[in-house]
Structures are given as structure tokens and as C-alpha cells.
Amino acid sequence: MNKLIFLLFFAVTSCTTFSRYSPHNKMESCVEGYYCIVNDSLHLKYETLGGFYFANNLKEYRKIKVKNKPKFKNIIFYGKSNILDTDYYLILNNEIYPKNFYFKETVINNKKITIALNSNTNGTYNKDFILNFRLPK
């Protein structure tokens, strides 16, 4: 019985919602007010708006979004902005599509990458900017 409890505990605690690629994320300043998130393991460069808090693992996620569990699996990174009152996920091989999110997908280096943006995002510019993949200069 003790072995079964231990195995169940290990199975639940060892699973992670963040991708194995997440620890390789690096944040760089692009242009004033913008950030570039670079992940050499995925050959990914993603330009995003400033004013966001970012999480690359569950511990960082809990610090910036205390009450809710992540809505997706295989998260590359998570971003939350109190200024824009929104949050979004960059996800590897997404299979979950809740109705309260906008989605944009692309393939980079034979890997499906999805942006999932909370649909309460204010402003068309903000929505369009976040949902577009750009390769920073």
C-alpha cells in the first residue's frame, strides 16, 4: 500500500505542464518597450510587448498567477500583463483549444508552435502584435 501511495505521489509531482525546452528560454531586449524571447533549442525567436511578467516553469508561474492552474500542457513560456489585463501562452504541439482564447499556429524547425492569447485582451493592436510570429533583427 505504501508503495502505491509513493508511486501515485511521484507520478503526480513529476509531471510538468512546461516543456522540456522551457529552461532554455532567454529574455533579450529588442527595441525599447519590446522583448525578444530566444530559445536556441527550438530555433525560436519571438518578439513580444514589454510590460509582461514571464514564466518558464511552474514555480515562476505560481508567483505571477497564484490561483489558476495552467490551461495548457507543454508550455514553452507564459506571459501575463496587468497593464493590458491579459495573459498568453507559447505552446509546443498544442492539442487544447478553449473557447476563451485566440490561437495562432506556425511550424518552426518541424515543430508546431501555438500562441494562445486570452480573448479578453484589450486593443486590436495588442491582439495582432501578440498573435504574430516575428523574427527580430
C-alpha atoms as a PDB file:
ATOM      1  CA  MET A   1       0.000   0.000   0.000  1.00  0.00           C
ATOM      2  CA  ASN A   2       2.836   2.413   0.871  1.00  0.00           C
ATOM      3  CA  LYS A   3       4.475   1.675  -2.484  1.00  0.00           C
ATOM      4  CA  LEU A   4       1.242   2.502  -4.295  1.00  0.00           C
ATOM      5  CA  ILE A   5       0.914   5.829  -2.462  1.00  0.00           C
ATOM      6  CA  PHE A   6       4.535   6.659  -3.241  1.00  0.00           C
ATOM      7  CA  LEU A   7       4.088   5.812  -6.936  1.00  0.00           C
ATOM      8  CA  LEU A   8       0.941   7.932  -7.179  1.00  0.00           C
ATOM      9  CA  PHE A   9       2.668  10.841  -5.430  1.00  0.00           C
ATOM     10  CA  PHE A  10       5.684  10.544  -7.737  1.00  0.00           C
ATOM     11  CA  ALA A  11       3.511  10.348 -10.848  1.00  0.00           C
ATOM     12  CA  VAL A  12       1.549  13.465  -9.905  1.00  0.00           C
ATOM     13  CA  THR A  13       4.503  15.570  -8.780  1.00  0.00           C
ATOM     14  CA  SER A  14       6.891  14.580 -11.572  1.00  0.00           C
ATOM     15  CA  CYS A  15       4.536  15.668 -14.361  1.00  0.00           C
ATOM     16  CA  THR A  16       5.034  19.192 -15.531  1.00  0.00           C
ATOM     17  CA  THR A  17       2.946  21.434 -17.701  1.00  0.00           C
ATOM     18  CA  PHE A  18       6.019  23.226 -19.014  1.00  0.00           C
ATOM     19  CA  SER A  19       8.011  21.910 -21.941  1.00  0.00           C
ATOM     20  CA  ARG A  20      11.447  20.382 -21.533  1.00  0.00           C
ATOM     21  CA  TYR A  21      12.598  23.249 -23.787  1.00  0.00           C
ATOM     22  CA  SER A  22      11.451  25.960 -21.353  1.00  0.00           C
ATOM     23  CA  PRO A  23      14.658  26.103 -19.301  1.00  0.00           C
ATOM     24  CA  HIS A  24      16.477  27.192 -22.472  1.00  0.00           C
ATOM     25  CA  ASN A  25      14.471  30.429 -22.845  1.00  0.00           C
ATOM     26  CA  LYS A  26      16.491  33.651 -22.744  1.00  0.00           C
ATOM     27  CA  MET A  27      14.992  37.122 -22.492  1.00  0.00           C
ATOM     28  CA  GLU A  28      16.665  39.846 -24.526  1.00  0.00           C
ATOM     29  CA  SER A  29      15.821  43.489 -25.039  1.00  0.00           C
ATOM     30  CA  CYS A  30      14.928  44.120 -28.702  1.00  0.00           C
ATOM     31  CA  VAL A  31      13.679  47.624 -29.293  1.00  0.00           C
ATOM     32  CA  GLU A  32      12.654  49.933 -26.449  1.00  0.00           C
ATOM     33  CA  GLY A  33       9.439  48.613 -24.922  1.00  0.00           C
ATOM     34  CA  TYR A  34       9.737  45.179 -26.566  1.00  0.00           C
ATOM     35  CA  TYR A  35      11.360  41.897 -25.574  1.00  0.00           C
ATOM     36  CA  CYS A  36      12.724  39.005 -27.573  1.00  0.00           C
ATOM     37  CA  ILE A  37      12.394  35.541 -26.151  1.00  0.00           C
ATOM     38  CA  VAL A  38      15.039  33.312 -27.665  1.00  0.00           C
ATOM     39  CA  ASN A  39      15.151  29.547 -27.412  1.00  0.00           C
ATOM     40  CA  ASP A  40      18.108  28.127 -29.325  1.00  0.00           C
ATOM     41  CA  SER A  41      16.969  24.538 -28.675  1.00  0.00           C
ATOM     42  CA  LEU A  42      13.790  25.209 -30.655  1.00  0.00           C
ATOM     43  CA  HIS A  43      15.438  27.663 -33.091  1.00  0.00           C
ATOM     44  CA  LEU A  44      12.817  30.132 -31.890  1.00  0.00           C
ATOM     45  CA  LYS A  45      12.909  33.908 -31.587  1.00  0.00           C
ATOM     46  CA  TYR A  46       9.695  35.593 -30.521  1.00  0.00           C
ATOM     47  CA  GLU A  47       9.244  39.344 -30.202  1.00  0.00           C
ATOM     48  CA  THR A  48       6.676  40.468 -27.643  1.00  0.00           C
ATOM     49  CA  LEU A  49       5.388  43.592 -25.964  1.00  0.00           C
ATOM     50  CA  GLY A  50       7.005  44.861 -22.787  1.00  0.00           C
ATOM     51  CA  GLY A  51       5.068  45.127 -19.548  1.00  0.00           C
ATOM     52  CA  PHE A  52       4.658  41.374 -19.155  1.00  0.00           C
ATOM     53  CA  TYR A  53       5.765  39.033 -16.410  1.00  0.00           C
ATOM     54  CA  PHE A  54       7.093  35.777 -17.848  1.00  0.00           C
ATOM     55  CA  ALA A  55       7.276  32.245 -16.502  1.00  0.00           C
ATOM     56  CA  ASN A  56       9.438  29.417 -17.815  1.00  0.00           C
ATOM     57  CA  ASN A  57       8.442  26.888 -15.174  1.00  0.00           C
ATOM     58  CA  LEU A  58       5.664  26.093 -12.738  1.00  0.00           C
ATOM     59  CA  LYS A  59       7.380  27.828  -9.818  1.00  0.00           C
ATOM     60  CA  GLU A  60       7.625  31.128 -11.736  1.00  0.00           C
ATOM     61  CA  TYR A  61       4.064  30.641 -12.997  1.00  0.00           C
ATOM     62  CA  ARG A  62       2.722  30.316  -9.473  1.00  0.00           C
ATOM     63  CA  LYS A  63       4.490  33.531  -8.464  1.00  0.00           C
ATOM     64  CA  ILE A  64       2.669  35.569 -11.097  1.00  0.00           C
ATOM     65  CA  LYS A  65      -0.631  33.687 -11.362  1.00  0.00           C
ATOM     66  CA  VAL A  66      -1.381  32.307  -7.951  1.00  0.00           C
ATOM     67  CA  LYS A  67      -4.948  30.961  -8.160  1.00  0.00           C
ATOM     68  CA  ASN A  68      -5.327  29.247 -11.537  1.00  0.00           C
ATOM     69  CA  LYS A  69      -3.582  26.182 -12.889  1.00  0.00           C
ATOM     70  CA  PRO A  70      -2.065  26.444 -16.371  1.00  0.00           C
ATOM     71  CA  LYS A  71      -4.697  25.816 -19.045  1.00  0.00           C
ATOM     72  CA  PHE A  72      -2.290  24.041 -21.402  1.00  0.00           C
ATOM     73  CA  LYS A  73       0.404  21.356 -21.471  1.00  0.00           C
ATOM     74  CA  ASN A  74       3.884  21.564 -22.983  1.00  0.00           C
ATOM     75  CA  ILE A  75       4.189  25.322 -22.364  1.00  0.00           C
ATOM     76  CA  ILE A  76       7.314  26.986 -23.749  1.00  0.00           C
ATOM     77  CA  PHE A  77       6.608  30.161 -21.775  1.00  0.00           C
ATOM     78  CA  TYR A  78       3.743  32.068 -20.199  1.00  0.00           C
ATOM     79  CA  GLY A  79       3.253  35.837 -20.184  1.00  0.00           C
ATOM     80  CA  LYS A  80       0.923  37.940 -18.029  1.00  0.00           C
ATOM     81  CA  SER A  81       0.319  41.690 -18.173  1.00  0.00           C
ATOM     82  CA  ASN A  82      -1.612  43.655 -15.587  1.00  0.00           C
ATOM     83  CA  ILE A  83      -1.354  46.746 -17.802  1.00  0.00           C
ATOM     84  CA  LEU A  84      -3.103  45.065 -20.747  1.00  0.00           C
ATOM     85  CA  ASP A  85      -5.183  42.846 -18.449  1.00  0.00           C
ATOM     86  CA  THR A  86      -4.332  39.711 -20.414  1.00  0.00           C
ATOM     87  CA  ASP A  87      -2.193  36.613 -20.493  1.00  0.00           C
ATOM     88  CA  TYR A  88      -0.902  34.271 -23.159  1.00  0.00           C
ATOM     89  CA  TYR A  89       0.981  31.036 -23.658  1.00  0.00           C
ATOM     90  CA  LEU A  90       3.506  29.864 -26.223  1.00  0.00           C
ATOM     91  CA  ILE A  91       2.944  26.119 -26.532  1.00  0.00           C
ATOM     92  CA  LEU A  92       4.685  23.213 -28.234  1.00  0.00           C
ATOM     93  CA  ASN A  93       2.374  20.758 -30.055  1.00  0.00           C
ATOM     94  CA  ASN A  94      -0.833  22.166 -28.566  1.00  0.00           C
ATOM     95  CA  GLU A  95      -3.941  19.973 -28.510  1.00  0.00           C
ATOM     96  CA  ILE A  96      -6.175  22.070 -26.216  1.00  0.00           C
ATOM     97  CA  TYR A  97      -8.341  24.868 -27.664  1.00  0.00           C
ATOM     98  CA  PRO A  98     -10.562  26.579 -25.060  1.00  0.00           C
ATOM     99  CA  LYS A  99     -13.168  28.957 -26.482  1.00  0.00           C
ATOM    100  CA  ASN A 100     -11.950  31.937 -24.440  1.00  0.00           C
ATOM    101  CA  PHE A 101      -8.589  32.112 -26.285  1.00  0.00           C
ATOM    102  CA  TYR A 102      -7.384  33.306 -29.685  1.00  0.00           C
ATOM    103  CA  PHE A 103      -4.923  30.975 -31.398  1.00  0.00           C
ATOM    104  CA  LYS A 104      -2.194  31.331 -33.991  1.00  0.00           C
ATOM    105  CA  GLU A 105      -0.015  28.433 -35.086  1.00  0.00           C
ATOM    106  CA  THR A 106       3.133  28.034 -37.104  1.00  0.00           C
ATOM    107  CA  VAL A 107       5.779  25.393 -37.702  1.00  0.00           C
ATOM    108  CA  ILE A 108       9.358  26.178 -36.768  1.00  0.00           C
ATOM    109  CA  ASN A 109      12.049  23.568 -37.361  1.00  0.00           C
ATOM    110  CA  ASN A 110       9.366  20.861 -37.863  1.00  0.00           C
ATOM    111  CA  LYS A 111       7.710  21.666 -34.509  1.00  0.00           C
ATOM    112  CA  LYS A 112       4.198  23.074 -34.186  1.00  0.00           C
ATOM    113  CA  ILE A 113       4.264  26.237 -32.076  1.00  0.00           C
ATOM    114  CA  THR A 114       0.995  27.805 -30.895  1.00  0.00           C
ATOM    115  CA  ILE A 115       0.276  31.195 -29.374  1.00  0.00           C
ATOM    116  CA  ALA A 116      -2.816  31.075 -27.137  1.00  0.00           C
ATOM    117  CA  LEU A 117      -3.968  34.580 -26.188  1.00  0.00           C
ATOM    118  CA  ASN A 118      -6.712  35.209 -23.666  1.00  0.00           C
ATOM    119  CA  SER A 119      -9.702  36.644 -25.530  1.00  0.00           C
ATOM    120  CA  ASN A 120     -10.197  39.470 -23.011  1.00  0.00           C
ATOM    121  CA  THR A 121      -7.153  41.274 -24.469  1.00  0.00           C
ATOM    122  CA  ASN A 122      -7.931  44.941 -24.939  1.00  0.00           C
ATOM    123  CA  GLY A 123      -6.952  46.645 -28.171  1.00  0.00           C
ATOM    124  CA  THR A 124      -6.681  45.270 -31.696  1.00  0.00           C
ATOM    125  CA  TYR A 125      -3.027  46.321 -31.941  1.00  0.00           C
ATOM    126  CA  ASN A 126      -2.109  44.347 -28.806  1.00  0.00           C
ATOM    127  CA  LYS A 127      -4.001  41.279 -30.024  1.00  0.00           C
ATOM    128  CA  ASP A 128      -2.467  41.406 -33.505  1.00  0.00           C
ATOM    129  CA  PHE A 129       1.032  42.046 -32.179  1.00  0.00           C
ATOM    130  CA  ILE A 130       0.996  39.147 -29.726  1.00  0.00           C
ATOM    131  CA  LEU A 131      -0.540  36.710 -32.225  1.00  0.00           C
ATOM    132  CA  ASN A 132       2.051  37.356 -34.929  1.00  0.00           C
ATOM    133  CA  PHE A 133       5.329  35.498 -35.055  1.00  0.00           C
ATOM    134  CA  ARG A 134       8.160  37.841 -35.900  1.00  0.00           C
ATOM    135  CA  LEU A 135      11.836  37.169 -36.255  1.00  0.00           C
ATOM    136  CA  PRO A 136      13.603  40.063 -34.527  1.00  0.00           C
ATOM    137  CA  LYS A 137      16.560  41.711 -36.210  1.00  0.00           C
END
